[in-house]
Amino acid sequence: MGIVAKQSARNALVLATGLLLGAINTMFVLPAAFEGYEEGWGLIRVMTSWGTILAQVLALGMPNAMLRFLPQAQGEREGNVLSLIAIVPALAFAVAGLASIWMGPDALLALDADKGWLLSGRVGAFLWMAGAYLAMLMLRALLIHRMRTVVVTVIQELWLKGSYLALAVVYLQGWMPFETFFKWFLYSYAAAVFFMLVEAHSAGIQLRKPSFRQDGKPVLEFGLFAFWNVGARTIAKNLDFVMVGALLGLAVVPRYTFAFFIATVVAMPMRAMGPILNSLTSKDVAKHGPEASETSLKQSARVLLSVTSALLVAIWSGMPWLDAVLPEGFQGLEWVVLAVGLTYVLEASGGTAGPILQFSDRYKLALPINLGLVVMTVGFNYAFMAWFGWGIEGAAWATALTGLWNMGWRTTLMWRLFQIHPFTRAWLGIAASAVAIAVAMRGVGSVIDVTDSTLWNLALALGIGGAGGALTLASAWGWGGLPELRQELAKRFSP
């Protein structure tokens, strides 16, 4: 437990630093650096999203298979199993590389609605990015298996975000042209892979002759399940950026990226609590069965709903004044922020429904849900942006509907399969109060004008937003949504 506590504390510090670097870059440096050339930033964002999608496809669930099977392999067996797991994505990437040879220089033009020259001749760069993400997926799983989580976090959060920020500052100053910036951005990912390889070597990782007859079938079966269960969600999240570029143009992608970054603040409680809840749920389901998990399901649902809705209400309440201090080309995004933030609230409000299904013997029923998630993402994005002409607001509301799909099906399956559900009187009260407070705070805010002072607008955004978030938390407290916090405070402050 000492190792876990120490690494968790270090990871938290690194994550916070990475979030700060990302905020500085996304909200201040990149908008200034790419002012008038937004399609350049859009190219970078679409390339990373497409690289993430392709890496998930080529990995075929092998990173998850690594975490599943390596702990059971002792001594030389670890090298045997690891070699088998590594062969699958290596062969898949080789096939993708061969396929790219026959692609012409204009093969990627469909990723930009304006079919601009910027995507011409970029097939190699996109394949490079996919290869880097694929290597990092595999190495990340391997290093986590060896309890080198801090190193992984440092490379992914500090190195990648820090180098991106440094390159953006250099580009902003006019010290390098875009093509040089683009190449060094790719090199930064190659460096991240190199750093992970060095760490894997120092951890004593060795490859040995694989045993296809003994390990092939279980590894491939679990890998394919993990691909559809975990990979599909990652693909769905990144499809939004790709489709915004394909349907609206690369120059529009930075606006969606900007709003998406603000909304991801709502997901912070899930990122912090998710691993702990997953671990507890897996043990509870294994020991007592999914039917006995209703208490933890209800508890996690109301707690996560309380904190995520409070964050979303805080952002929404202060958005008019925050909007006034944002760069001019990135204003007017409040509905995009609301829709994406609502997606995270919907996912959080289902509590541990997803993990309960995943760790039960009915786990295969998650596959059609996740496949449907990808289909819904493509369908709603196309309908809202191409048919209805709703722009990036359409992309955001398509994301919200996929969140509703995810939460709705999982909670429905909880009831149909195990006769349990996450809903309580407190849950309903928290949800209703959050909506009422959000509407009331915007009504109060409507009588307070946006000023010409950046500092005063920022103070109003923080003050009014903080008040909205605090009221939502207080309401959740009043509904009995946070009894654990009440008990902890009673322990610490009782005489």
Foldseek 3Di string as FASTA:
>chain_A
DVLVVVLVVLLVVLQVVLLVLLCCCLFPLVCLLCPVNLLLVLVVLLLLLLLLLLLLVLLLQLLVLLLVPLVVQDDCRNQQLLQLSVVRSVVSLVVVVVVLVPDAQQNCLLLAQVSDPPSGNCSVVSSLSNVLNNLLSNLQSVCVSLVVNSLNSCLVRVQLSVVLSVLSNCSSVVVDDSVVSSVVNSVSSVVSSVSSVVVSVVSVRHHDHYDCVPPVVVSNVNSNLSSLQPVLVSSLVSVLSSLLRSQPGSSQSSLLVSLLSLLCVLQVVCVVCVVVLLVVLLVCCVVPNLLVCQVQQQLQLLVSLLSSLLLLLLCLLLVVLVLVLTPPVNHPCSLLSNLQSLLSSLLRNRGCLLSNCCNHPNVSVSNVLSVVLNVLLVVQSCCQCVVVNVRSSSNSNSSSVSSNSNSVVSQVCCCVPNNHHNDDQLSVQLVVVSVVLSVVSNVVCVVPDHDPDSVVSVVSSNVSSNVSSVVSNVSSVVSVSPVVVVVVCCVVPPD
